[in-house]
Amino acid sequence: MRDFIQTFLLCVEAFFLLYMVLYSSFLFLSVTVGSSDLYAARRRNRLKNELSNDYYLPVSILVPAYNEEVTIEATIRSLLALEYKLYEIIIVDDGSTDRTAQVLKDAFHMWKIERPIQRRIPCQPEEEIYETRAYKVPITLVRKKNGGKADALNMGINVSTYPYFLCMDADSVLQYDSLEKIVRPVLEDSSVVAVGGTVRPCNGAEISNGRVVRYRMPRKLLPCMQVLEYDRSFLASRILFDRFNGNIIISGAFGLFLKSVVIAAGGYDNTTVGEDMELAVKLHVYCRENGRRYRIRYAADAVCWTQVPERLGDLCRQRRRWHIGLFQSMMKYRSILANPKYGAVSFVSYFYFLLYELFSPYIEIFGVLTTLLAFAVRLINVPFMVLFFGIYVVYTAVLSLTAFFARIHTIDLKLYPSDLLKAVGLCAVEVSCLRFVMAWVRMTALVGYRSKKHTWGKIERQKISID
């Protein structure tokens, strides 16, 4: 029996060495490429050697909302501060039970109107429509029967009048130049059907007229660690995947889409909780199956500031929902895997998300359990194990800090010394502690998920600091 366990542990050891070498190599390559691209973009901006024109794509900004009375006014005011000339704002109140709609009507002096809606994509029926034209762009509020976030976005698409739409969350704030920068890839290449932007936590930041006037790391430790996590995540894969048209996820908090292609593909799928990833993968499949030349791009310099959970329970619910959405999208489009028709999307992007996102919590927890087994039968080299784990923590922490400082430096944010110490001190904690807590949450996410797959998920909101 002892010999069998020893053989089993040797096989596990070989697997984990290969698993970690591949992941570490990918992480190093992607962070290096991402940082290089950010600094190159910053140099171009300083030299003014970039696309500069007076052309504006007409864009409809869609803001789905469910019980967002705390943040919705600040979000809409940030949209009015955008330095862009041709857009409209459409808020879809998906059957809120709080004062979301009333806050909007009072704050922006909206009036009830009668307006026919062409249902190019099925969605729950509207109940009331309000509008105001007292500002630089028209603002429309649609109150509808509750159907979930995907259904609310489909309603927004039906109501929109412009050929491109941008979706964002009701607890987010766009930087003043974000709309200009996220449409730039479309102006450069007419085959672009979707563009994803960068999402950064706004907890601790003070924003005025779409500009960050004071940036501090969040006071609480949990959102601080999420700042490091977000920067590493967005820098670690999306810029690299952008090189070969391989991005298969566009954050639901900030994404631009060509409306005609989205409608042709069937719009958002309201049977999934990860409607953002599902749509991005669906566009890959639709365009390739129909022989359409296309690109799905990532605009690293287009920034959306969003609230991240400050309580562990809220964070666990959020990540559980994300993992369910990942599972649904990966399973729905599993025909992509090892399919030459999809090229690098199949053999790099899909494989990466399958192995290092969907299966990773199970692999990591399995690794912990086998370590405990090895310890129980005294077949573990404790000094080597501690050294190996220490190297992993330091390596990942260094890459996290590289991504964090690259992002801070390239968007000209000033960092206070106390925030610097906080980032350095927490990077190892985020990798060694929070990661394993989230691994457990993701591993158990699929237990009983079908009963809650249409719910928005409730997270406690705080007022956004915006003037």
Protein backbone atom coordinates (compact mmCIF):
# COMPACT_ATOMS: atom_id res chain seq x y z
CA MET A 1 0.00 0.00 0.00
CA ARG A 2 2.82 2.36 0.87
CA ASP A 3 4.46 1.65 -2.50
CA PHE A 4 1.21 2.40 -4.31
CA ILE A 5 0.82 5.70 -2.46
CA GLN A 6 4.43 6.59 -3.23
CA THR A 7 3.92 5.89 -6.96
CA PHE A 8 0.69 7.90 -6.92
CA LEU A 9 2.39 10.86 -5.25
CA LEU A 10 5.25 10.77 -7.77
CA CYS A 11 2.73 10.97 -10.61
CA VAL A 12 0.94 13.85 -8.88
CA GLU A 13 4.27 15.61 -8.36
CA ALA A 14 5.16 15.30 -12.06
CA PHE A 15 1.73 16.63 -13.06
CA PHE A 16 1.95 19.64 -10.76
CA LEU A 17 5.47 20.50 -11.87
CA LEU A 18 4.33 20.54 -15.50
CA TYR A 19 1.14 22.42 -14.57
CA MET A 20 3.02 25.12 -12.66
CA VAL A 21 5.81 25.46 -15.24
CA LEU A 22 3.26 26.04 -18.01
CA TYR A 23 1.25 28.50 -15.90
CA SER A 24 4.32 30.40 -14.69
CA SER A 25 5.70 30.64 -18.24
CA PHE A 26 2.39 31.89 -19.57
CA LEU A 27 2.03 34.41 -16.75
CA PHE A 28 5.57 35.71 -17.26
CA LEU A 29 5.11 36.03 -21.02
CA SER A 30 1.74 37.74 -20.79
CA VAL A 31 2.75 40.21 -18.06
CA THR A 32 5.93 41.05 -19.99
CA VAL A 33 4.04 41.59 -23.25
CA GLY A 34 1.29 43.52 -21.45
CA SER A 35 3.68 45.84 -19.63
CA SER A 36 5.64 46.44 -22.83
CA ASP A 37 2.48 47.36 -24.72
CA LEU A 38 1.35 49.74 -21.96
CA TYR A 39 4.65 51.59 -21.95
CA ALA A 40 4.71 51.72 -25.77
CA ALA A 41 1.20 53.22 -25.76
CA ARG A 42 2.29 55.79 -23.18
CA ARG A 43 5.26 56.83 -25.33
CA ARG A 44 3.01 57.18 -28.38
CA ASN A 45 0.63 59.31 -26.37
CA ARG A 46 3.44 61.61 -25.24
CA LEU A 47 4.66 61.99 -28.82
CA LYS A 48 1.09 62.40 -30.06
CA ASN A 49 1.90 59.61 -32.52
CA GLU A 50 -1.54 58.02 -32.46
CA LEU A 51 -4.81 58.14 -34.31
CA SER A 52 -6.25 61.62 -33.98
CA ASN A 53 -9.37 62.66 -35.85
CA ASP A 54 -12.77 64.30 -35.56
CA TYR A 55 -14.75 61.20 -36.50
CA TYR A 56 -17.14 59.80 -33.94
CA LEU A 57 -18.91 56.48 -34.04
CA PRO A 58 -22.50 56.82 -32.80
CA VAL A 59 -22.71 54.73 -29.62
CA SER A 60 -25.64 53.72 -27.42
CA ILE A 61 -24.55 53.22 -23.80
CA LEU A 62 -26.64 50.55 -22.09
CA VAL A 63 -26.87 50.47 -18.29
CA PRO A 64 -28.85 47.51 -16.93
CA ALA A 65 -29.89 48.10 -13.34
CA TYR A 66 -31.53 46.11 -10.58
CA ASN A 67 -31.85 47.74 -7.14
CA GLU A 68 -29.03 50.23 -7.77
CA GLU A 69 -30.45 53.35 -6.07
CA VAL A 70 -27.17 53.90 -4.20
CA THR A 71 -24.89 54.20 -7.24
CA ILE A 72 -27.05 54.82 -10.31
CA GLU A 73 -27.05 58.64 -10.21
CA ALA A 74 -23.24 58.85 -9.94
CA THR A 75 -22.89 56.40 -12.82
CA ILE A 76 -25.11 58.43 -15.15
CA ARG A 77 -23.44 61.72 -14.20
CA SER A 78 -20.07 60.19 -15.06
CA LEU A 79 -21.45 59.28 -18.48
CA LEU A 80 -22.54 62.88 -19.04
CA ALA A 81 -18.94 63.96 -18.38
CA LEU A 82 -17.53 61.87 -21.23
CA GLU A 83 -15.49 63.81 -23.80
CA TYR A 84 -17.43 62.43 -26.74
CA LYS A 85 -19.97 64.02 -29.05
CA LEU A 86 -22.28 61.35 -30.41
CA TYR A 87 -23.88 58.95 -27.96
CA GLU A 88 -27.05 58.23 -26.03
CA ILE A 89 -27.65 56.79 -22.56
CA ILE A 90 -30.22 54.04 -22.02
CA ILE A 91 -30.93 52.74 -18.51
CA VAL A 92 -32.95 49.53 -18.24
CA ASP A 93 -34.56 49.07 -14.83
CA ASP A 94 -35.11 45.33 -14.65
CA GLY A 95 -38.02 45.31 -12.21
CA SER A 96 -36.18 46.92 -9.30
CA THR A 97 -37.91 46.80 -5.93
CA ASP A 98 -36.10 49.85 -4.55
CA ARG A 99 -36.05 53.53 -5.66
CA THR A 100 -33.73 53.10 -8.67
CA ALA A 101 -36.22 54.51 -11.17
CA GLN A 102 -37.39 57.30 -8.85
CA VAL A 103 -33.83 58.43 -8.16
CA LEU A 104 -33.23 58.75 -11.91
CA LYS A 105 -36.51 60.57 -12.57
CA ASP A 106 -35.86 63.07 -9.79
CA ALA A 107 -32.16 63.63 -10.49
CA PHE A 108 -32.50 64.12 -14.26
CA HIS A 109 -36.07 65.51 -14.50
CA MET A 110 -37.30 62.71 -16.73
CA TRP A 111 -40.79 62.62 -18.26
CA LYS A 112 -42.91 59.65 -19.17
CA ILE A 113 -43.27 59.11 -22.93
CA GLU A 114 -44.96 56.72 -25.33
CA ARG A 115 -42.47 55.02 -27.62
CA PRO A 116 -42.82 51.85 -29.72
CA ILE A 117 -40.03 49.31 -29.32
CA GLN A 118 -39.06 46.96 -32.13
CA ARG A 119 -38.22 43.58 -30.58
CA ARG A 120 -35.34 42.39 -32.71
CA ILE A 121 -34.27 40.21 -29.76
CA PRO A 122 -36.83 38.57 -27.42
CA CYS A 123 -37.06 40.08 -23.94
CA GLN A 124 -39.53 40.73 -21.15
CA PRO A 125 -42.08 43.50 -21.88
CA GLU A 126 -41.58 47.13 -20.92
CA GLU A 127 -43.83 48.78 -18.33
CA GLU A 128 -42.90 52.48 -18.58
CA ILE A 129 -40.51 54.61 -20.60
CA TYR A 130 -39.06 57.95 -19.44
CA GLU A 131 -36.83 60.37 -21.27
CA THR A 132 -35.02 63.67 -20.93
CA ARG A 133 -33.25 65.82 -23.49
CA ALA A 134 -32.16 68.53 -21.08
CA TYR A 135 -28.52 67.40 -21.19
CA LYS A 136 -25.78 67.11 -23.80
CA VAL A 137 -27.12 63.69 -24.90
CA PRO A 138 -30.57 62.07 -24.63
CA ILE A 139 -31.19 59.87 -21.58
CA THR A 140 -33.84 57.15 -21.72
CA LEU A 141 -35.12 55.04 -18.83
CA VAL A 142 -37.03 51.83 -19.54
CA ARG A 143 -38.79 50.06 -16.67
CA LYS A 144 -39.53 46.44 -17.52
CA LYS A 145 -40.59 43.17 -16.00
CA ASN A 146 -37.73 41.38 -14.26
CA GLY A 147 -35.90 38.93 -16.50
CA GLY A 148 -32.27 39.07 -15.44
CA LYS A 149 -29.26 41.05 -16.62
CA ALA A 150 -29.05 39.42 -20.06
CA ASP A 151 -32.74 40.14 -20.67
CA ALA A 152 -32.24 43.77 -19.60
CA LEU A 153 -29.36 44.14 -22.04
CA ASN A 154 -31.48 42.68 -24.84
CA MET A 155 -34.13 45.29 -24.07
CA GLY A 156 -31.45 47.97 -24.22
CA ILE A 157 -30.37 46.72 -27.65
CA ASN A 158 -33.98 46.85 -28.86
CA VAL A 159 -34.40 50.42 -27.59
CA SER A 160 -31.05 51.69 -28.89
CA THR A 161 -30.87 53.77 -32.08
CA TYR A 162 -27.14 53.70 -32.92
CA PRO A 163 -25.15 50.97 -34.75
CA TYR A 164 -22.76 50.34 -31.84
CA PHE A 165 -23.67 49.78 -28.23
CA LEU A 166 -21.59 49.84 -25.06
CA CYS A 167 -22.69 47.88 -22.01
CA MET A 168 -21.63 48.79 -18.49
CA ASP A 169 -22.65 48.08 -14.90
CA ALA A 170 -24.76 50.45 -12.83
CA ASP A 171 -22.09 50.62 -10.11
CA SER A 172 -19.32 51.74 -12.46
CA VAL A 173 -17.84 55.02 -13.67
CA LEU A 174 -16.23 55.58 -17.06
CA GLN A 175 -13.08 57.65 -17.29
CA TYR A 176 -13.61 60.86 -19.27
CA ASP A 177 -11.77 59.55 -22.38
CA SER A 178 -12.83 55.90 -22.17
CA LEU A 179 -15.49 56.06 -24.89
CA GLU A 180 -13.07 57.75 -27.29
CA LYS A 181 -10.42 55.10 -26.63
CA ILE A 182 -12.66 52.05 -26.79
CA VAL A 183 -13.97 53.02 -30.25
CA ARG A 184 -10.46 53.60 -31.60
CA PRO A 185 -9.91 49.94 -32.65
CA VAL A 186 -13.11 50.15 -34.71
CA LEU A 187 -11.86 53.29 -36.47
CA GLU A 188 -8.57 51.54 -37.20
CA ASP A 189 -10.13 48.32 -38.50
CA SER A 190 -13.66 48.00 -39.87
CA SER A 191 -13.71 44.24 -39.21
CA VAL A 192 -13.80 44.78 -35.43
CA VAL A 193 -17.10 43.53 -34.00
CA ALA A 194 -16.35 43.90 -30.29
CA VAL A 195 -13.90 45.69 -28.00
CA GLY A 196 -13.28 45.09 -24.32
CA GLY A 197 -11.93 47.72 -21.95
CA THR A 198 -10.00 47.66 -18.69
CA VAL A 199 -11.87 47.44 -15.40
CA ARG A 200 -10.23 48.83 -12.24
CA PRO A 201 -11.60 48.99 -8.68
CA CYS A 202 -12.72 52.49 -7.67
CA ASN A 203 -12.89 51.76 -3.92
CA GLY A 204 -10.77 54.53 -2.38
CA ALA A 205 -10.60 56.69 -5.53
CA GLU A 206 -12.11 60.17 -5.85
CA ILE A 207 -13.42 60.94 -9.32
CA SER A 208 -14.46 64.35 -10.66
CA ASN A 209 -15.88 64.87 -14.17
CA GLY A 210 -14.61 61.48 -15.22
CA ARG A 211 -11.09 62.17 -13.92
CA VAL A 212 -9.40 60.53 -10.98
CA VAL A 213 -8.38 63.49 -8.80
CA ARG A 214 -7.12 61.44 -5.88
CA TYR A 215 -6.20 57.78 -5.87
CA ARG A 216 -5.74 55.76 -2.72
CA MET A 217 -5.67 52.06 -2.16
CA PRO A 218 -8.91 50.97 -0.43
CA ARG A 219 -8.88 51.17 3.35
CA LYS A 220 -10.08 47.60 3.78
CA LEU A 221 -7.73 44.73 3.04
CA LEU A 222 -10.10 42.64 0.90
CA PRO A 223 -10.66 45.25 -1.84
CA CYS A 224 -6.91 46.05 -1.72
CA MET A 225 -6.11 42.49 -2.68
CA GLN A 226 -8.71 42.67 -5.46
CA VAL A 227 -6.92 45.71 -6.91
CA LEU A 228 -3.78 43.58 -7.31
CA GLU A 229 -5.82 40.70 -8.65
CA TYR A 230 -7.65 42.83 -11.25
CA ASP A 231 -4.45 44.41 -12.56
CA ARG A 232 -2.72 41.04 -12.88
CA SER A 233 -5.76 39.46 -14.50
CA PHE A 234 -6.32 42.15 -17.14
CA LEU A 235 -2.62 42.48 -17.91
CA ALA A 236 -1.85 38.78 -17.75
CA SER A 237 -3.96 37.49 -20.60
CA ARG A 238 -6.02 40.05 -22.49
CA ILE A 239 -3.21 42.02 -24.09
CA LEU A 240 -1.45 38.81 -25.13
CA PHE A 241 -4.65 37.23 -26.45
CA ASP A 242 -5.34 40.43 -28.37
CA ARG A 243 -2.24 39.72 -30.46
CA PHE A 244 -3.93 36.75 -32.17
CA ASN A 245 -7.63 37.65 -31.91
CA GLY A 246 -7.98 35.23 -29.02
CA ASN A 247 -9.98 37.08 -26.38
CA ILE A 248 -13.02 35.00 -25.47
CA ILE A 249 -14.27 37.21 -22.65
CA ILE A 250 -15.28 40.86 -22.54
CA SER A 251 -16.13 42.14 -19.09
CA GLY A 252 -19.81 42.90 -18.64
CA ALA A 253 -18.76 46.09 -16.86
CA PHE A 254 -17.27 47.63 -20.02
CA GLY A 255 -17.60 46.35 -23.59
CA LEU A 256 -18.37 47.79 -27.05
CA PHE A 257 -20.23 45.76 -29.70
CA LEU A 258 -21.42 46.06 -33.29
CA LYS A 259 -25.18 45.82 -32.86
CA SER A 260 -26.04 44.20 -36.20
CA VAL A 261 -23.71 41.25 -35.58
CA VAL A 262 -24.95 40.77 -32.01
CA ILE A 263 -28.57 40.73 -33.22
CA ALA A 264 -27.70 38.28 -36.00
CA ALA A 265 -26.01 36.02 -33.44
CA GLY A 266 -29.10 36.06 -31.22
CA GLY A 267 -28.19 38.66 -28.58
CA TYR A 268 -27.47 37.87 -24.96
CA ASP A 269 -28.41 34.42 -23.68
CA ASN A 270 -30.73 34.84 -20.69
CA THR A 271 -30.36 31.17 -19.70
CA THR A 272 -26.79 31.77 -18.48
CA VAL A 273 -25.41 33.85 -15.62
CA GLY A 274 -22.18 34.67 -17.49
CA GLU A 275 -23.80 36.60 -20.30
CA ASP A 276 -20.65 38.63 -20.99
CA MET A 277 -18.36 35.67 -21.72
CA GLU A 278 -21.16 33.77 -23.48
CA LEU A 279 -21.65 36.63 -25.94
CA ALA A 280 -17.93 36.95 -26.70
CA VAL A 281 -17.57 33.22 -27.39
CA LYS A 282 -20.81 33.27 -29.39
CA LEU A 283 -19.40 36.02 -31.64
CA HIS A 284 -16.30 33.92 -32.34
CA VAL A 285 -18.49 30.96 -33.27
CA TYR A 286 -20.99 33.00 -35.32
CA CYS A 287 -18.35 34.82 -37.35
CA ARG A 288 -16.28 31.71 -38.08
CA GLU A 289 -19.28 29.54 -38.91
CA ASN A 290 -20.54 32.20 -41.34
CA GLY A 291 -17.16 32.99 -42.87
CA ARG A 292 -17.18 36.59 -41.66
CA ARG A 293 -13.89 38.44 -41.33
CA TYR A 294 -13.80 39.77 -37.78
CA ARG A 295 -11.69 40.92 -34.85
CA ILE A 296 -12.46 41.03 -31.14
CA ARG A 297 -10.09 43.56 -29.60
CA TYR A 298 -8.96 44.73 -26.18
CA ALA A 299 -8.36 48.44 -25.47
CA ALA A 300 -5.99 48.52 -22.49
CA ASP A 301 -6.13 52.32 -22.15
CA ALA A 302 -9.95 52.52 -22.01
CA VAL A 303 -10.67 52.43 -18.28
CA CYS A 304 -13.85 51.75 -16.36
CA TRP A 305 -13.81 52.21 -12.57
CA THR A 306 -16.06 49.80 -10.69
CA GLN A 307 -16.88 48.91 -7.11
CA VAL A 308 -15.53 45.62 -5.83
CA PRO A 309 -17.02 43.75 -2.85
CA GLU A 310 -15.73 44.82 0.55
CA ARG A 311 -17.17 41.87 2.45
CA LEU A 312 -15.98 38.29 2.04
CA GLY A 313 -19.54 36.97 1.71
CA ASP A 314 -20.26 39.35 -1.20
CA LEU A 315 -16.98 38.43 -2.88
CA CYS A 316 -17.75 34.72 -2.56
CA ARG A 317 -21.18 35.21 -4.13
CA GLN A 318 -19.66 37.21 -6.97
CA ARG A 319 -16.96 34.65 -7.73
CA ARG A 320 -19.42 31.79 -7.46
CA ARG A 321 -21.56 33.49 -10.09
CA TRP A 322 -18.54 34.11 -12.32
CA HIS A 323 -17.48 30.47 -12.15
CA ILE A 324 -20.97 29.25 -13.00
CA GLY A 325 -20.98 31.58 -16.01
CA LEU A 326 -17.56 30.28 -17.07
CA PHE A 327 -18.77 26.68 -16.78
CA GLN A 328 -21.92 27.37 -18.81
CA SER A 329 -20.04 29.13 -21.61
CA MET A 330 -17.28 26.53 -21.82
CA MET A 331 -19.76 23.65 -21.92
CA LYS A 332 -22.13 25.34 -24.37
CA TYR A 333 -19.31 25.89 -26.86
CA ARG A 334 -17.19 22.83 -26.07
CA SER A 335 -17.01 22.06 -29.81
CA ILE A 336 -14.33 24.78 -30.00
CA LEU A 337 -11.79 22.62 -28.12
CA ALA A 338 -9.17 21.03 -30.38
CA ASN A 339 -11.06 22.27 -33.46
CA PRO A 340 -8.69 23.49 -36.22
CA LYS A 341 -11.45 25.75 -37.57
CA TYR A 342 -10.95 28.06 -34.57
CA GLY A 343 -7.14 28.13 -34.70
CA ALA A 344 -5.49 29.79 -31.71
CA VAL A 345 -8.89 30.48 -30.11
CA SER A 346 -9.21 26.72 -29.71
CA PHE A 347 -5.65 25.64 -28.94
CA VAL A 348 -4.61 28.59 -26.76
CA SER A 349 -7.56 30.63 -25.43
CA TYR A 350 -10.10 27.86 -24.85
CA PHE A 351 -7.45 25.50 -23.50
CA TYR A 352 -6.14 28.16 -21.11
CA PHE A 353 -9.59 28.97 -19.71
CA LEU A 354 -10.44 25.30 -19.45
CA LEU A 355 -7.28 24.25 -17.62
CA TYR A 356 -6.32 27.37 -15.64
CA GLU A 357 -9.73 28.90 -14.94
CA LEU A 358 -12.48 26.26 -15.00
CA PHE A 359 -10.51 23.29 -13.67
CA SER A 360 -7.94 25.19 -11.61
CA PRO A 361 -9.86 25.22 -8.29
CA TYR A 362 -10.27 21.45 -8.44
CA ILE A 363 -6.61 20.99 -9.32
CA GLU A 364 -5.45 23.32 -6.53
CA ILE A 365 -7.64 21.73 -3.86
CA PHE A 366 -6.54 18.29 -5.08
CA GLY A 367 -2.94 19.43 -4.64
CA VAL A 368 -3.62 20.49 -1.05
CA LEU A 369 -5.27 17.13 -0.27
CA THR A 370 -2.41 15.11 -1.77
CA THR A 371 0.06 17.21 0.25
CA LEU A 372 -1.86 16.31 3.42
CA LEU A 373 -1.84 12.65 2.37
CA ALA A 374 1.92 12.74 1.78
CA PHE A 375 2.40 14.36 5.16
CA ALA A 376 0.23 11.74 6.87
CA VAL A 377 2.26 8.81 5.45
CA ARG A 378 5.56 10.66 5.96
CA LEU A 379 6.44 10.71 2.28
CA ILE A 380 6.92 14.46 2.01
CA ASN A 381 10.06 16.51 2.05
CA VAL A 382 8.83 19.38 4.19
CA PRO A 383 11.78 21.77 3.54
CA PHE A 384 11.45 21.25 -0.22
CA MET A 385 7.67 21.73 -0.08
CA VAL A 386 8.05 24.98 1.87
CA LEU A 387 10.75 26.17 -0.56
CA PHE A 388 8.62 25.29 -3.61
CA PHE A 389 5.55 27.06 -2.21
CA GLY A 390 7.67 30.06 -1.22
CA ILE A 391 9.11 30.35 -4.74
CA TYR A 392 5.60 30.15 -6.20
CA VAL A 393 4.29 32.88 -3.85
CA VAL A 394 7.24 35.22 -4.47
CA TYR A 395 7.16 34.68 -8.24
CA THR A 396 3.43 35.35 -8.52
CA ALA A 397 3.65 38.30 -6.11
CA VAL A 398 6.41 39.90 -8.20
CA LEU A 399 4.32 39.53 -11.35
CA SER A 400 1.31 40.99 -9.52
CA LEU A 401 3.34 44.02 -8.44
CA THR A 402 4.76 44.39 -11.95
CA ALA A 403 1.24 44.53 -13.36
CA PHE A 404 0.08 46.89 -10.59
CA PHE A 405 2.92 49.41 -10.98
CA ALA A 406 2.78 49.24 -14.77
CA ARG A 407 -0.89 50.17 -14.64
CA ILE A 408 -0.36 52.92 -12.07
CA HIS A 409 2.54 54.45 -13.98
CA THR A 410 1.07 54.30 -17.47
CA ILE A 411 -2.16 56.10 -16.50
CA ASP A 412 -0.29 58.73 -14.47
CA LEU A 413 -1.74 57.99 -11.05
CA LYS A 414 0.20 59.17 -8.00
CA LEU A 415 0.70 56.55 -5.34
CA TYR A 416 1.09 57.47 -1.68
CA PRO A 417 3.94 55.80 0.28
CA SER A 418 1.45 54.07 2.58
CA ASP A 419 -0.33 52.63 -0.46
CA LEU A 420 2.98 51.41 -1.83
CA LEU A 421 3.68 49.55 1.41
CA LYS A 422 0.14 48.19 1.44
CA ALA A 423 0.48 46.81 -2.10
CA VAL A 424 3.85 45.20 -1.38
CA GLY A 425 2.66 43.75 1.90
CA LEU A 426 -0.59 42.31 0.59
CA CYS A 427 0.59 40.82 -2.70
CA ALA A 428 1.87 37.66 -1.02
CA VAL A 429 -1.28 37.39 1.14
CA GLU A 430 -3.47 37.62 -1.95
CA VAL A 431 -1.59 34.80 -3.68
CA SER A 432 -1.16 32.51 -0.69
CA CYS A 433 -4.44 33.04 1.20
CA LEU A 434 -7.20 34.72 -0.80
CA ARG A 435 -6.47 32.57 -3.85
CA PHE A 436 -7.14 29.35 -1.95
CA VAL A 437 -10.32 30.73 -0.37
CA MET A 438 -11.58 31.63 -3.84
CA ALA A 439 -10.49 28.21 -5.12
CA TRP A 440 -12.77 26.58 -2.57
CA VAL A 441 -15.66 28.91 -3.50
CA ARG A 442 -15.22 28.17 -7.19
CA MET A 443 -14.88 24.44 -6.59
CA THR A 444 -18.25 24.36 -4.79
CA ALA A 445 -19.93 26.87 -7.14
CA LEU A 446 -21.74 24.29 -9.25
CA VAL A 447 -23.53 22.73 -6.28
CA GLY A 448 -27.21 23.55 -6.75
CA TYR A 449 -26.51 26.34 -9.25
CA ARG A 450 -29.49 25.59 -11.48
CA SER A 451 -31.98 26.94 -8.95
CA LYS A 452 -30.34 30.38 -8.94
CA LYS A 453 -29.02 30.74 -12.46
CA HIS A 454 -31.38 33.61 -13.39
CA THR A 455 -30.78 35.78 -10.30
CA TRP A 456 -28.71 38.98 -10.41
CA GLY A 457 -26.98 38.27 -7.10
CA LYS A 458 -27.07 40.88 -4.31
CA ILE A 459 -23.89 42.72 -3.30
CA GLU A 460 -23.88 45.59 -0.83
CA ARG A 461 -23.09 48.89 -2.60
CA GLN A 462 -21.39 52.03 -1.32
CA LYS A 463 -21.80 55.53 -2.70
CA ILE A 464 -19.24 56.30 -5.38
CA SER A 465 -17.01 59.26 -4.53
CA ILE A 466 -17.71 61.52 -7.51
CA ASP A 467 -18.18 65.27 -7.89
